[in-house]
C-alpha atoms as a PDB file:
ATOM      1  CA  UNK A   1       7.752 111.378 -50.132  1.00  0.00           C
ATOM      2  CA  UNK A   2       5.936 110.873 -46.847  1.00  0.00           C
ATOM      3  CA  UNK A   3       7.555 112.336 -43.733  1.00  0.00           C
ATOM      4  CA  UNK A   4       8.516 110.100 -40.823  1.00  0.00           C
ATOM      5  CA  UNK A   5       6.055 110.355 -37.934  1.00  0.00           C
ATOM      6  CA  UNK A   6       7.121 110.335 -34.305  1.00  0.00           C
ATOM      7  CA  UNK A   7       6.467 107.438 -31.971  1.00  0.00           C
ATOM      8  CA  UNK A   8       3.748 109.334 -30.120  1.00  0.00           C
ATOM      9  CA  UNK A   9       2.022 110.390 -33.350  1.00  0.00           C
ATOM     10  CA  UNK A  10       1.832 106.774 -34.448  1.00  0.00           C
ATOM     11  CA  UNK A  11       0.809 105.583 -30.966  1.00  0.00           C
ATOM     12  CA  UNK A  12      -2.160 107.933 -30.731  1.00  0.00           C
ATOM     13  CA  UNK A  13      -3.265 107.608 -34.373  1.00  0.00           C
ATOM     14  CA  UNK A  14      -6.737 106.109 -33.995  1.00  0.00           C
ATOM     15  CA  UNK A  15      -7.033 105.195 -37.678  1.00  0.00           C
ATOM     16  CA  UNK A  16      -4.270 102.538 -37.374  1.00  0.00           C
ATOM     17  CA  UNK A  17      -2.731 103.562 -40.703  1.00  0.00           C
ATOM     18  CA  UNK A  18       0.765 102.798 -39.454  1.00  0.00           C
ATOM     19  CA  UNK A  19       2.105  99.870 -37.439  1.00  0.00           C
ATOM     20  CA  UNK A  20       3.998 100.540 -34.241  1.00  0.00           C
ATOM     21  CA  UNK A  21       4.987  96.975 -33.414  1.00  0.00           C
ATOM     22  CA  UNK A  22       7.962  96.930 -35.772  1.00  0.00           C
ATOM     23  CA  UNK A  23       9.282 100.084 -34.132  1.00  0.00           C
ATOM     24  CA  UNK A  24       9.193  98.681 -30.580  1.00  0.00           C
ATOM     25  CA  UNK A  25      10.058  95.024 -31.164  1.00  0.00           C
ATOM     26  CA  UNK A  26      13.747  95.511 -30.276  1.00  0.00           C
ATOM     27  CA  UNK A  27      12.771  97.082 -26.969  1.00  0.00           C
ATOM     28  CA  UNK A  28      10.403  94.176 -26.316  1.00  0.00           C
ATOM     29  CA  UNK A  29      13.241  91.721 -26.949  1.00  0.00           C
ATOM     30  CA  UNK A  30      15.533  93.575 -24.549  1.00  0.00           C
ATOM     31  CA  UNK A  31      12.720  93.560 -21.998  1.00  0.00           C
ATOM     32  CA  UNK A  32      12.358  89.797 -22.499  1.00  0.00           C
ATOM     33  CA  UNK A  33      16.090  89.277 -21.933  1.00  0.00           C
ATOM     34  CA  UNK A  34      15.948  91.433 -18.804  1.00  0.00           C
ATOM     35  CA  UNK A  35      12.957  89.492 -17.450  1.00  0.00           C
ATOM     36  CA  UNK A  36      14.683  86.181 -18.180  1.00  0.00           C
ATOM     37  CA  UNK A  37      17.760  87.388 -16.315  1.00  0.00           C
ATOM     38  CA  UNK A  38      15.708  88.531 -13.344  1.00  0.00           C
ATOM     39  CA  UNK A  39      13.870  85.197 -13.352  1.00  0.00           C
ATOM     40  CA  UNK A  40      17.135  83.243 -13.391  1.00  0.00           C
ATOM     41  CA  UNK A  41      18.510  85.376 -10.566  1.00  0.00           C
ATOM     42  CA  UNK A  42      15.285  84.865  -8.595  1.00  0.00           C
ATOM     43  CA  UNK A  43      15.595  81.108  -9.134  1.00  0.00           C
ATOM     44  CA  UNK A  44      19.085  81.172  -7.621  1.00  0.00           C
ATOM     45  CA  UNK A  45      18.008  83.312  -4.656  1.00  0.00           C
ATOM     46  CA  UNK A  46      15.030  81.060  -3.937  1.00  0.00           C
ATOM     47  CA  UNK A  47      17.230  77.985  -4.259  1.00  0.00           C
ATOM     48  CA  UNK A  48      19.743  79.199  -1.706  1.00  0.00           C
ATOM     49  CA  UNK A  49      16.870  80.359   0.499  1.00  0.00           C
ATOM     50  CA  UNK A  50      15.563  76.827   0.535  1.00  0.00           C
ATOM     51  CA  UNK A  51      18.816  74.960   1.086  1.00  0.00           C
ATOM     52  CA  UNK A  52      22.445  75.032   0.041  1.00  0.00           C
ATOM     53  CA  UNK A  53      22.035  72.016  -2.258  1.00  0.00           C
ATOM     54  CA  UNK A  54      18.955  73.529  -3.930  1.00  0.00           C
ATOM     55  CA  UNK A  55      20.922  76.750  -4.385  1.00  0.00           C
ATOM     56  CA  UNK A  56      23.774  74.945  -6.098  1.00  0.00           C
ATOM     57  CA  UNK A  57      21.295  73.107  -8.285  1.00  0.00           C
ATOM     58  CA  UNK A  58      19.624  76.395  -9.189  1.00  0.00           C
ATOM     59  CA  UNK A  59      23.036  77.923  -9.879  1.00  0.00           C
ATOM     60  CA  UNK A  60      23.775  75.158 -12.367  1.00  0.00           C
ATOM     61  CA  UNK A  61      20.375  75.111 -14.089  1.00  0.00           C
ATOM     62  CA  UNK A  62      19.504  78.812 -14.080  1.00  0.00           C
ATOM     63  CA  UNK A  63      21.638  79.569 -17.196  1.00  0.00           C
ATOM     64  CA  UNK A  64      19.746  76.829 -19.058  1.00  0.00           C
ATOM     65  CA  UNK A  65      16.416  78.276 -17.926  1.00  0.00           C
ATOM     66  CA  UNK A  66      17.622  81.744 -18.966  1.00  0.00           C
ATOM     67  CA  UNK A  67      18.556  80.519 -22.448  1.00  0.00           C
ATOM     68  CA  UNK A  68      15.257  78.698 -22.878  1.00  0.00           C
ATOM     69  CA  UNK A  69      13.294  81.827 -21.961  1.00  0.00           C
ATOM     70  CA  UNK A  70      15.383  83.999 -24.306  1.00  0.00           C
ATOM     71  CA  UNK A  71      14.926  81.541 -27.185  1.00  0.00           C
ATOM     72  CA  UNK A  72      11.155  81.435 -26.584  1.00  0.00           C
ATOM     73  CA  UNK A  73      10.986  85.241 -26.484  1.00  0.00           C
ATOM     74  CA  UNK A  74      13.020  85.479 -29.692  1.00  0.00           C
ATOM     75  CA  UNK A  75      10.879  82.950 -31.563  1.00  0.00           C
ATOM     76  CA  UNK A  76       7.640  84.652 -30.510  1.00  0.00           C
ATOM     77  CA  UNK A  77       8.933  88.091 -31.484  1.00  0.00           C
ATOM     78  CA  UNK A  78      10.244  86.801 -34.824  1.00  0.00           C
ATOM     79  CA  UNK A  79       6.813  85.328 -35.513  1.00  0.00           C
ATOM     80  CA  UNK A  80       5.192  88.660 -34.711  1.00  0.00           C
ATOM     81  CA  UNK A  81       7.807  90.454 -36.848  1.00  0.00           C
ATOM     82  CA  UNK A  82       7.100  88.129 -39.780  1.00  0.00           C
ATOM     83  CA  UNK A  83       3.332  88.636 -39.607  1.00  0.00           C
ATOM     84  CA  UNK A  84       3.687  92.409 -39.541  1.00  0.00           C
ATOM     85  CA  UNK A  85       6.188  92.346 -42.426  1.00  0.00           C
ATOM     86  CA  UNK A  86       3.720  90.275 -44.428  1.00  0.00           C
ATOM     87  CA  UNK A  87       1.038  92.883 -43.739  1.00  0.00           C
ATOM     88  CA  UNK A  88       3.356  95.718 -44.822  1.00  0.00           C
ATOM     89  CA  UNK A  89       4.356  93.918 -48.015  1.00  0.00           C
ATOM     90  CA  UNK A  90       0.734  93.079 -48.775  1.00  0.00           C
ATOM     91  CA  UNK A  91      -0.172  96.758 -48.420  1.00  0.00           C
ATOM     92  CA  UNK A  92       2.595  97.628 -50.887  1.00  0.00           C
ATOM     93  CA  UNK A  93       1.334  95.035 -53.370  1.00  0.00           C
ATOM     94  CA  UNK A  94      -2.228  96.334 -53.134  1.00  0.00           C
ATOM     95  CA  UNK A  95      -1.070  99.934 -53.599  1.00  0.00           C
ATOM     96  CA  UNK A  96       1.060  98.905 -56.578  1.00  0.00           C
ATOM     97  CA  UNK A  97      -1.849  97.023 -58.151  1.00  0.00           C
ATOM     98  CA  UNK A  98      -4.141 100.050 -57.713  1.00  0.00           C
ATOM     99  CA  UNK A  99      -1.516 102.292 -59.278  1.00  0.00           C
ATOM    100  CA  UNK A 100      -1.071  99.953 -62.237  1.00  0.00           C
ATOM    101  CA  UNK A 101      -4.813  99.627 -62.797  1.00  0.00           C
ATOM    102  CA  UNK A 102      -5.238 103.427 -62.776  1.00  0.00           C
ATOM    103  CA  UNK A 103      -2.456 103.839 -65.371  1.00  0.00           C
ATOM    104  CA  UNK A 104      -4.136 101.445 -67.827  1.00  0.00           C
END
């Protein structure tokens, strides 16, 4: 059985034998949520900096903007996740086919 490589070993592997994206995708999602939260907070601050009414409007709509950004981040990352899972499964199928053809 193949041993598990560390994050840095995979990161600096110039042959690209292993995929790192699936290992960091959760961190990317958390980063997306954090950025959406900061953006919503910035929207509120800018709104109140402009006028009280604009601040109240931003206070009402910033949760909607936050949710839209989080949904977009999630959909994009799920698409990336799916593509990389397809690649992994395709590699397994090719390896299995090679193994079966060698046994014949």
